[in-house]
N, C-alpha and C. Protein backbone atom coordinates (compact mmCIF):
# COMPACT_ATOMS: atom_id res chain seq x y z
N MET A 1 0.84 -1.18 0.00
CA MET A 1 0.00 0.00 0.00
C MET A 1 0.88 1.23 0.00
N GLU A 2 0.51 2.20 -0.80
CA GLU A 2 1.21 3.47 -0.80
C GLU A 2 0.27 4.50 -0.21
N ALA A 3 0.81 5.45 0.52
CA ALA A 3 -0.03 6.47 1.15
C ALA A 3 0.32 7.83 0.61
N ILE A 4 -0.68 8.69 0.53
CA ILE A 4 -0.47 10.07 0.15
C ILE A 4 -1.08 10.94 1.22
N SER A 5 -0.60 12.14 1.33
CA SER A 5 -1.21 13.06 2.28
C SER A 5 -1.13 14.47 1.74
N ASP A 6 -2.10 15.26 2.07
CA ASP A 6 -2.13 16.67 1.72
C ASP A 6 -1.65 17.40 2.96
N ARG A 7 -0.45 17.99 2.88
CA ARG A 7 0.14 18.62 4.06
C ARG A 7 -0.72 19.75 4.59
N GLY A 8 -1.53 20.36 3.76
CA GLY A 8 -2.39 21.44 4.21
C GLY A 8 -3.65 20.93 4.90
N ASN A 9 -3.80 19.63 4.96
CA ASN A 9 -5.00 19.03 5.52
C ASN A 9 -4.59 18.26 6.78
N ASP A 10 -5.35 18.38 7.86
CA ASP A 10 -5.01 17.69 9.09
C ASP A 10 -5.18 16.19 8.98
N ALA A 11 -6.15 15.75 8.21
CA ALA A 11 -6.42 14.32 8.08
C ALA A 11 -5.54 13.72 6.99
N VAL A 12 -4.96 12.58 7.25
CA VAL A 12 -4.16 11.88 6.26
C VAL A 12 -5.08 10.88 5.58
N ARG A 13 -5.09 10.94 4.26
CA ARG A 13 -5.94 10.03 3.50
C ARG A 13 -5.06 8.95 2.91
N ALA A 14 -5.30 7.71 3.29
CA ALA A 14 -4.54 6.59 2.74
C ALA A 14 -5.24 6.10 1.49
N MET A 15 -4.48 5.83 0.47
CA MET A 15 -5.01 5.32 -0.78
C MET A 15 -4.26 4.03 -1.11
N ILE A 16 -4.93 3.13 -1.80
CA ILE A 16 -4.32 1.88 -2.22
C ILE A 16 -4.22 1.88 -3.73
N ARG A 17 -3.03 1.53 -4.23
CA ARG A 17 -2.83 1.43 -5.68
C ARG A 17 -2.85 -0.04 -6.05
N TYR A 18 -3.71 -0.39 -7.00
CA TYR A 18 -3.78 -1.77 -7.48
C TYR A 18 -3.36 -1.84 -8.94
N ALA A 19 -2.65 -2.91 -9.27
CA ALA A 19 -2.42 -3.26 -10.66
C ALA A 19 -3.67 -4.02 -11.09
N LEU A 20 -4.24 -3.65 -12.22
CA LEU A 20 -5.50 -4.24 -12.68
C LEU A 20 -5.33 -4.75 -14.10
N LYS A 21 -6.28 -5.60 -14.51
CA LYS A 21 -6.33 -6.03 -15.90
C LYS A 21 -7.78 -6.27 -16.27
N CYS A 22 -8.06 -6.13 -17.56
CA CYS A 22 -9.42 -6.35 -18.03
C CYS A 22 -9.52 -7.74 -18.65
N GLY A 23 -10.70 -8.10 -19.11
CA GLY A 23 -10.92 -9.40 -19.71
C GLY A 23 -10.12 -9.61 -20.99
N ARG A 24 -9.65 -8.53 -21.60
CA ARG A 24 -8.84 -8.62 -22.82
C ARG A 24 -7.34 -8.54 -22.50
N ASP A 25 -6.99 -8.66 -21.22
CA ASP A 25 -5.60 -8.66 -20.75
C ASP A 25 -4.88 -7.33 -20.90
N HIS A 26 -5.61 -6.21 -20.95
CA HIS A 26 -4.95 -4.90 -20.92
C HIS A 26 -4.60 -4.61 -19.46
N ALA A 27 -3.35 -4.24 -19.21
CA ALA A 27 -2.90 -3.96 -17.84
C ALA A 27 -2.93 -2.46 -17.59
N PHE A 28 -3.35 -2.07 -16.38
CA PHE A 28 -3.37 -0.67 -15.98
C PHE A 28 -3.39 -0.60 -14.46
N GLU A 29 -3.23 0.59 -13.91
CA GLU A 29 -3.24 0.79 -12.47
C GLU A 29 -4.31 1.80 -12.11
N SER A 30 -4.76 1.74 -10.87
CA SER A 30 -5.70 2.74 -10.37
C SER A 30 -5.60 2.82 -8.86
N TRP A 31 -6.01 3.95 -8.32
CA TRP A 31 -5.99 4.19 -6.87
C TRP A 31 -7.39 4.05 -6.32
N PHE A 32 -7.49 3.49 -5.11
CA PHE A 32 -8.78 3.31 -4.45
C PHE A 32 -8.68 3.77 -3.01
N GLN A 33 -9.81 4.21 -2.48
CA GLN A 33 -9.86 4.68 -1.10
C GLN A 33 -9.56 3.56 -0.11
N SER A 34 -9.98 2.34 -0.46
CA SER A 34 -9.75 1.18 0.40
C SER A 34 -9.97 -0.09 -0.42
N ALA A 35 -9.61 -1.23 0.17
CA ALA A 35 -9.86 -2.50 -0.50
C ALA A 35 -11.36 -2.71 -0.69
N GLU A 36 -12.12 -2.29 0.31
CA GLU A 36 -13.58 -2.42 0.23
C GLU A 36 -14.15 -1.56 -0.90
N ALA A 37 -13.58 -0.36 -1.09
CA ALA A 37 -14.05 0.52 -2.17
C ALA A 37 -13.81 -0.14 -3.52
N PHE A 38 -12.64 -0.78 -3.69
CA PHE A 38 -12.37 -1.49 -4.93
C PHE A 38 -13.41 -2.58 -5.14
N GLU A 39 -13.65 -3.39 -4.10
CA GLU A 39 -14.60 -4.51 -4.22
C GLU A 39 -16.00 -4.01 -4.58
N ARG A 40 -16.46 -2.94 -3.93
CA ARG A 40 -17.78 -2.37 -4.23
C ARG A 40 -17.88 -1.95 -5.70
N LEU A 41 -16.88 -1.23 -6.18
CA LEU A 41 -16.90 -0.75 -7.56
C LEU A 41 -16.81 -1.91 -8.55
N ALA A 42 -15.95 -2.89 -8.26
CA ALA A 42 -15.80 -4.03 -9.16
C ALA A 42 -17.08 -4.86 -9.22
N THR A 43 -17.68 -5.11 -8.05
CA THR A 43 -18.91 -5.90 -7.99
C THR A 43 -20.06 -5.20 -8.73
N ALA A 44 -20.10 -3.87 -8.64
CA ALA A 44 -21.15 -3.11 -9.31
C ALA A 44 -20.86 -2.89 -10.79
N GLY A 45 -19.71 -3.36 -11.28
CA GLY A 45 -19.36 -3.18 -12.69
C GLY A 45 -19.04 -1.74 -13.03
N ARG A 46 -18.56 -0.97 -12.04
CA ARG A 46 -18.31 0.46 -12.25
C ARG A 46 -16.84 0.75 -12.55
N LEU A 47 -16.06 -0.29 -12.80
CA LEU A 47 -14.67 -0.11 -13.22
C LEU A 47 -14.59 -0.45 -14.69
N ALA A 48 -13.74 0.27 -15.43
CA ALA A 48 -13.60 0.00 -16.86
C ALA A 48 -12.15 0.16 -17.28
N CYS A 49 -11.75 -0.64 -18.24
CA CYS A 49 -10.41 -0.56 -18.81
C CYS A 49 -10.27 0.75 -19.58
N PRO A 50 -9.21 1.53 -19.32
CA PRO A 50 -9.04 2.79 -20.04
C PRO A 50 -8.70 2.60 -21.51
N GLU A 51 -8.27 1.40 -21.89
CA GLU A 51 -7.89 1.16 -23.28
C GLU A 51 -9.06 0.70 -24.13
N CYS A 52 -9.90 -0.22 -23.58
CA CYS A 52 -10.98 -0.78 -24.41
C CYS A 52 -12.37 -0.60 -23.80
N GLY A 53 -12.46 -0.15 -22.54
CA GLY A 53 -13.76 0.07 -21.91
C GLY A 53 -14.38 -1.17 -21.29
N ASP A 54 -13.70 -2.31 -21.34
CA ASP A 54 -14.21 -3.56 -20.77
C ASP A 54 -14.42 -3.38 -19.27
N SER A 55 -15.57 -3.81 -18.76
CA SER A 55 -15.85 -3.66 -17.32
C SER A 55 -15.54 -4.93 -16.53
N ALA A 56 -14.98 -5.94 -17.16
CA ALA A 56 -14.55 -7.16 -16.46
C ALA A 56 -13.14 -6.91 -15.93
N VAL A 57 -13.05 -6.11 -14.87
CA VAL A 57 -11.76 -5.70 -14.32
C VAL A 57 -11.45 -6.51 -13.07
N THR A 58 -10.23 -7.04 -13.01
CA THR A 58 -9.78 -7.80 -11.84
C THR A 58 -8.40 -7.31 -11.42
N LYS A 59 -8.02 -7.66 -10.20
CA LYS A 59 -6.68 -7.32 -9.72
C LYS A 59 -5.67 -8.19 -10.44
N ALA A 60 -4.53 -7.60 -10.78
CA ALA A 60 -3.44 -8.35 -11.39
C ALA A 60 -2.38 -8.61 -10.33
N LEU A 61 -1.49 -9.50 -10.63
CA LEU A 61 -0.40 -9.80 -9.71
C LEU A 61 0.48 -8.58 -9.55
N MET A 62 0.79 -8.21 -8.30
CA MET A 62 1.62 -7.03 -8.02
C MET A 62 2.82 -7.44 -7.18
N ALA A 63 3.92 -6.79 -7.43
CA ALA A 63 5.10 -6.98 -6.58
C ALA A 63 5.27 -5.73 -5.74
N PRO A 64 5.47 -5.87 -4.45
CA PRO A 64 5.64 -4.67 -3.62
C PRO A 64 6.94 -3.98 -3.96
N PRO A 65 7.00 -2.65 -3.78
CA PRO A 65 8.27 -1.97 -4.02
C PRO A 65 9.29 -2.38 -2.95
N VAL A 66 10.47 -2.80 -3.38
CA VAL A 66 11.50 -3.26 -2.46
C VAL A 66 12.75 -2.42 -2.69
N ARG A 67 13.28 -1.89 -1.60
CA ARG A 67 14.51 -1.11 -1.70
C ARG A 67 15.70 -2.06 -1.78
N PRO A 68 16.67 -1.76 -2.64
CA PRO A 68 17.84 -2.63 -2.73
C PRO A 68 18.72 -2.49 -1.50
N ALA A 69 19.59 -3.47 -1.29
CA ALA A 69 20.55 -3.39 -0.19
C ALA A 69 21.41 -2.16 -0.38
N ARG A 70 21.90 -1.59 0.70
CA ARG A 70 22.69 -0.35 0.61
C ARG A 70 23.90 -0.50 -0.30
N LYS A 71 24.61 -1.62 -0.20
CA LYS A 71 25.81 -1.81 -1.02
C LYS A 71 25.45 -1.82 -2.50
N ALA A 72 24.41 -2.57 -2.87
CA ALA A 72 23.99 -2.64 -4.26
C ALA A 72 23.52 -1.28 -4.75
N ALA A 73 22.81 -0.54 -3.91
CA ALA A 73 22.33 0.79 -4.29
C ALA A 73 23.50 1.73 -4.50
N THR A 74 24.51 1.64 -3.67
CA THR A 74 25.69 2.50 -3.79
C THR A 74 26.45 2.17 -5.07
N GLU A 75 26.57 0.89 -5.39
CA GLU A 75 27.28 0.49 -6.61
C GLU A 75 26.55 0.98 -7.86
N ARG A 76 25.22 0.97 -7.83
CA ARG A 76 24.45 1.40 -9.00
C ARG A 76 24.24 2.90 -9.05
N ALA A 77 24.58 3.63 -8.00
CA ALA A 77 24.33 5.07 -7.95
C ALA A 77 25.04 5.81 -9.07
N SER A 78 26.21 5.32 -9.47
CA SER A 78 26.96 6.01 -10.51
C SER A 78 26.46 5.67 -11.91
N GLU A 79 25.65 4.62 -12.05
CA GLU A 79 25.11 4.25 -13.35
C GLU A 79 23.86 5.07 -13.65
N PRO A 80 23.67 5.49 -14.91
CA PRO A 80 22.44 6.19 -15.25
C PRO A 80 21.24 5.24 -15.15
N ALA A 81 20.12 5.77 -14.72
CA ALA A 81 18.91 4.95 -14.58
C ALA A 81 18.44 4.51 -15.95
N ARG A 82 18.06 3.24 -16.05
CA ARG A 82 17.53 2.71 -17.29
C ARG A 82 16.09 2.26 -17.05
N PRO A 83 15.11 3.04 -17.50
CA PRO A 83 13.72 2.65 -17.26
C PRO A 83 13.36 1.40 -18.08
N LEU A 84 12.38 0.67 -17.58
CA LEU A 84 11.90 -0.50 -18.30
C LEU A 84 11.24 -0.05 -19.59
N ALA A 85 11.31 -0.89 -20.59
CA ALA A 85 10.68 -0.56 -21.87
C ALA A 85 9.17 -0.59 -21.71
N PRO A 86 8.47 0.44 -22.21
CA PRO A 86 7.00 0.46 -22.11
C PRO A 86 6.40 -0.72 -22.88
N ALA A 87 5.34 -1.31 -22.32
CA ALA A 87 4.75 -2.50 -22.91
C ALA A 87 3.57 -2.19 -23.82
N THR A 88 2.73 -1.23 -23.46
CA THR A 88 1.53 -0.95 -24.24
C THR A 88 1.69 0.36 -25.00
N GLU A 89 0.80 0.59 -25.94
CA GLU A 89 0.82 1.83 -26.72
C GLU A 89 0.65 3.05 -25.81
N ILE A 90 -0.22 2.95 -24.83
CA ILE A 90 -0.42 4.07 -23.89
C ILE A 90 0.87 4.33 -23.12
N GLU A 91 1.53 3.27 -22.65
CA GLU A 91 2.79 3.45 -21.93
C GLU A 91 3.86 4.07 -22.82
N ARG A 92 3.89 3.67 -24.10
CA ARG A 92 4.86 4.26 -25.03
C ARG A 92 4.58 5.75 -25.24
N LYS A 93 3.31 6.11 -25.34
CA LYS A 93 2.96 7.52 -25.53
C LYS A 93 3.29 8.34 -24.28
N LEU A 94 3.03 7.77 -23.10
CA LEU A 94 3.38 8.48 -21.86
C LEU A 94 4.89 8.63 -21.74
N ALA A 95 5.64 7.61 -22.14
CA ALA A 95 7.10 7.70 -22.09
C ALA A 95 7.60 8.78 -23.05
N ALA A 96 6.99 8.87 -24.22
CA ALA A 96 7.38 9.91 -25.18
C ALA A 96 7.04 11.29 -24.64
N LEU A 97 5.87 11.43 -23.99
CA LEU A 97 5.49 12.71 -23.39
C LEU A 97 6.49 13.09 -22.31
N ARG A 98 6.84 12.15 -21.46
CA ARG A 98 7.80 12.42 -20.39
C ARG A 98 9.13 12.87 -20.96
N ALA A 99 9.62 12.16 -21.99
CA ALA A 99 10.90 12.52 -22.61
C ALA A 99 10.83 13.92 -23.20
N HIS A 100 9.71 14.27 -23.82
CA HIS A 100 9.55 15.61 -24.40
C HIS A 100 9.56 16.68 -23.30
N VAL A 101 8.82 16.44 -22.23
CA VAL A 101 8.77 17.41 -21.12
C VAL A 101 10.15 17.58 -20.51
N GLU A 102 10.85 16.48 -20.24
CA GLU A 102 12.17 16.57 -19.62
C GLU A 102 13.19 17.25 -20.52
N ALA A 103 13.07 17.05 -21.84
CA ALA A 103 14.04 17.64 -22.78
C ALA A 103 13.76 19.11 -23.06
N ASN A 104 12.51 19.55 -22.90
CA ASN A 104 12.14 20.89 -23.33
C ASN A 104 11.68 21.82 -22.21
N SER A 105 11.90 21.43 -20.96
CA SER A 105 11.51 22.30 -19.85
C SER A 105 12.44 22.08 -18.68
N ASP A 106 12.40 23.01 -17.74
CA ASP A 106 13.24 22.94 -16.55
C ASP A 106 12.47 22.32 -15.40
N TYR A 107 13.09 21.36 -14.71
CA TYR A 107 12.49 20.78 -13.51
C TYR A 107 12.80 21.71 -12.34
N VAL A 108 11.75 22.21 -11.65
CA VAL A 108 11.94 23.14 -10.54
C VAL A 108 11.55 22.52 -9.20
N GLY A 109 11.24 21.23 -9.18
CA GLY A 109 10.95 20.52 -7.94
C GLY A 109 9.76 21.09 -7.19
N MET A 110 9.91 21.15 -5.86
CA MET A 110 8.82 21.63 -5.00
C MET A 110 8.64 23.16 -5.09
N ASN A 111 9.47 23.85 -5.84
CA ASN A 111 9.33 25.29 -6.03
C ASN A 111 8.42 25.63 -7.19
N PHE A 112 7.66 24.64 -7.69
CA PHE A 112 6.86 24.85 -8.88
C PHE A 112 5.89 26.02 -8.74
N ALA A 113 5.11 26.07 -7.67
CA ALA A 113 4.09 27.11 -7.53
C ALA A 113 4.74 28.50 -7.51
N ALA A 114 5.79 28.67 -6.73
CA ALA A 114 6.46 29.98 -6.64
C ALA A 114 7.07 30.37 -7.97
N GLU A 115 7.71 29.42 -8.65
CA GLU A 115 8.35 29.72 -9.93
C GLU A 115 7.30 30.03 -11.01
N ALA A 116 6.20 29.29 -11.03
CA ALA A 116 5.14 29.55 -12.01
C ALA A 116 4.55 30.95 -11.80
N ARG A 117 4.33 31.33 -10.54
CA ARG A 117 3.82 32.68 -10.25
C ARG A 117 4.82 33.75 -10.72
N ALA A 118 6.10 33.53 -10.44
CA ALA A 118 7.12 34.51 -10.81
C ALA A 118 7.20 34.67 -12.34
N ILE A 119 7.11 33.58 -13.06
CA ILE A 119 7.13 33.65 -14.53
C ILE A 119 5.89 34.37 -15.02
N HIS A 120 4.73 34.04 -14.47
CA HIS A 120 3.47 34.66 -14.87
C HIS A 120 3.48 36.17 -14.60
N ALA A 121 4.12 36.58 -13.51
CA ALA A 121 4.17 37.99 -13.14
C ALA A 121 5.30 38.73 -13.86
N GLY A 122 6.12 38.03 -14.63
CA GLY A 122 7.22 38.67 -15.34
C GLY A 122 8.44 38.90 -14.46
N GLU A 123 8.46 38.28 -13.28
CA GLU A 123 9.58 38.45 -12.34
C GLU A 123 10.69 37.42 -12.57
N ALA A 124 10.44 36.44 -13.41
CA ALA A 124 11.44 35.41 -13.74
C ALA A 124 11.40 35.22 -15.25
N PRO A 125 12.49 34.75 -15.85
CA PRO A 125 12.51 34.56 -17.30
C PRO A 125 11.42 33.58 -17.75
N GLU A 126 10.77 33.91 -18.85
CA GLU A 126 9.71 33.05 -19.38
C GLU A 126 10.33 31.79 -19.97
N ARG A 127 9.85 30.64 -19.50
CA ARG A 127 10.33 29.35 -19.98
C ARG A 127 9.34 28.28 -19.55
N SER A 128 9.47 27.12 -20.13
CA SER A 128 8.63 25.98 -19.74
C SER A 128 9.24 25.34 -18.51
N ILE A 129 8.41 25.06 -17.51
CA ILE A 129 8.88 24.42 -16.29
C ILE A 129 7.95 23.27 -15.94
N TRP A 130 8.45 22.37 -15.10
CA TRP A 130 7.61 21.33 -14.51
C TRP A 130 8.17 21.04 -13.14
N GLY A 131 7.29 20.55 -12.26
CA GLY A 131 7.71 20.28 -10.90
C GLY A 131 6.57 19.70 -10.09
N GLU A 132 6.65 19.93 -8.79
CA GLU A 132 5.67 19.35 -7.87
C GLU A 132 5.05 20.45 -7.03
N THR A 133 3.79 20.26 -6.68
CA THR A 133 3.11 21.18 -5.78
C THR A 133 1.94 20.45 -5.13
N ARG A 134 1.46 21.01 -4.05
CA ARG A 134 0.30 20.43 -3.38
C ARG A 134 -0.96 20.74 -4.19
N PRO A 135 -1.99 19.89 -4.08
CA PRO A 135 -3.23 20.14 -4.82
C PRO A 135 -3.83 21.52 -4.54
N ALA A 136 -3.77 21.97 -3.29
CA ALA A 136 -4.34 23.28 -2.95
C ALA A 136 -3.58 24.40 -3.66
N ASP A 137 -2.26 24.27 -3.77
CA ASP A 137 -1.46 25.28 -4.46
C ASP A 137 -1.73 25.26 -5.96
N ALA A 138 -1.91 24.09 -6.54
CA ALA A 138 -2.24 23.99 -7.97
C ALA A 138 -3.58 24.65 -8.25
N LYS A 139 -4.55 24.41 -7.38
CA LYS A 139 -5.87 25.02 -7.54
C LYS A 139 -5.76 26.54 -7.45
N ALA A 140 -4.96 27.05 -6.51
CA ALA A 140 -4.78 28.50 -6.37
C ALA A 140 -4.14 29.09 -7.63
N LEU A 141 -3.16 28.39 -8.21
CA LEU A 141 -2.54 28.87 -9.45
C LEU A 141 -3.58 29.01 -10.56
N ILE A 142 -4.43 28.01 -10.70
CA ILE A 142 -5.47 28.04 -11.73
C ILE A 142 -6.42 29.20 -11.49
N GLU A 143 -6.83 29.40 -10.23
CA GLU A 143 -7.73 30.50 -9.89
C GLU A 143 -7.10 31.86 -10.15
N GLU A 144 -5.77 31.94 -10.05
CA GLU A 144 -5.04 33.19 -10.32
C GLU A 144 -4.79 33.41 -11.80
N GLY A 145 -5.18 32.46 -12.64
CA GLY A 145 -4.99 32.60 -14.08
C GLY A 145 -3.63 32.16 -14.58
N VAL A 146 -2.86 31.48 -13.74
CA VAL A 146 -1.54 30.97 -14.16
C VAL A 146 -1.80 29.69 -14.95
N PRO A 147 -1.31 29.61 -16.19
CA PRO A 147 -1.58 28.42 -17.00
C PRO A 147 -0.75 27.22 -16.55
N VAL A 148 -1.40 26.27 -15.89
CA VAL A 148 -0.76 25.04 -15.42
C VAL A 148 -1.64 23.86 -15.77
N ALA A 149 -1.04 22.68 -15.81
CA ALA A 149 -1.79 21.45 -16.06
C ALA A 149 -1.07 20.30 -15.36
N PRO A 150 -1.82 19.31 -14.88
CA PRO A 150 -1.17 18.16 -14.24
C PRO A 150 -0.50 17.28 -15.28
N LEU A 151 0.57 16.63 -14.87
CA LEU A 151 1.26 15.69 -15.74
C LEU A 151 0.92 14.26 -15.31
N PRO A 152 0.85 13.33 -16.24
CA PRO A 152 0.48 11.95 -15.90
C PRO A 152 1.66 11.10 -15.43
N PHE A 153 2.67 11.72 -14.84
CA PHE A 153 3.80 10.99 -14.29
C PHE A 153 4.41 11.80 -13.16
N VAL A 154 5.23 11.14 -12.36
CA VAL A 154 5.90 11.80 -11.24
C VAL A 154 7.41 11.76 -11.48
N PRO A 155 8.14 12.70 -10.89
CA PRO A 155 9.59 12.70 -11.08
C PRO A 155 10.23 11.46 -10.47
N THR A 156 11.34 11.05 -11.02
CA THR A 156 12.12 9.95 -10.47
C THR A 156 12.87 10.48 -9.28
N ARG A 157 12.75 9.81 -8.15
CA ARG A 157 13.41 10.27 -6.92
C ARG A 157 14.52 9.32 -6.54
N LYS A 158 15.57 9.89 -5.96
CA LYS A 158 16.65 9.06 -5.46
C LYS A 158 16.30 8.60 -4.05
N ALA A 159 16.58 7.34 -3.74
CA ALA A 159 16.33 6.82 -2.39
C ALA A 159 17.48 7.24 -1.48
N ASN A 160 17.16 7.59 -0.25
CA ASN A 160 18.21 7.97 0.71
C ASN A 160 18.90 6.76 1.25
């Protein structure tokens, strides 16, 4: 189980990410509020494959994320990361989008909201940026008229 939290919110909301597949063997992932929420939606036929629309959705086999031993991680730290080859057309398109974003914009990390505001106000050089921000900050940017959009991927992070 992976957990997310909104730092601006006192309550921590835990979400579960499941690997799923449809009756036509299309693989995809989705987040659910709980295991029970997944079961309710699946039983009611309210889940659908994003590729073909099939509502015969079941859980697929998942491997938990495992951190490598410190020695192995240290040995590989000097090697450039090699992502797995995308398997489906959607994964290939997302990989191409990610490569385009990374090649044509600056990653500003958690300073995204401040940097986007500064660019919009003319206080920083105009350029394409991408980064991370809390949902409340993203909503505030949109309300302020700053042109932003969510990306369908997250930055690669180094493990400590």
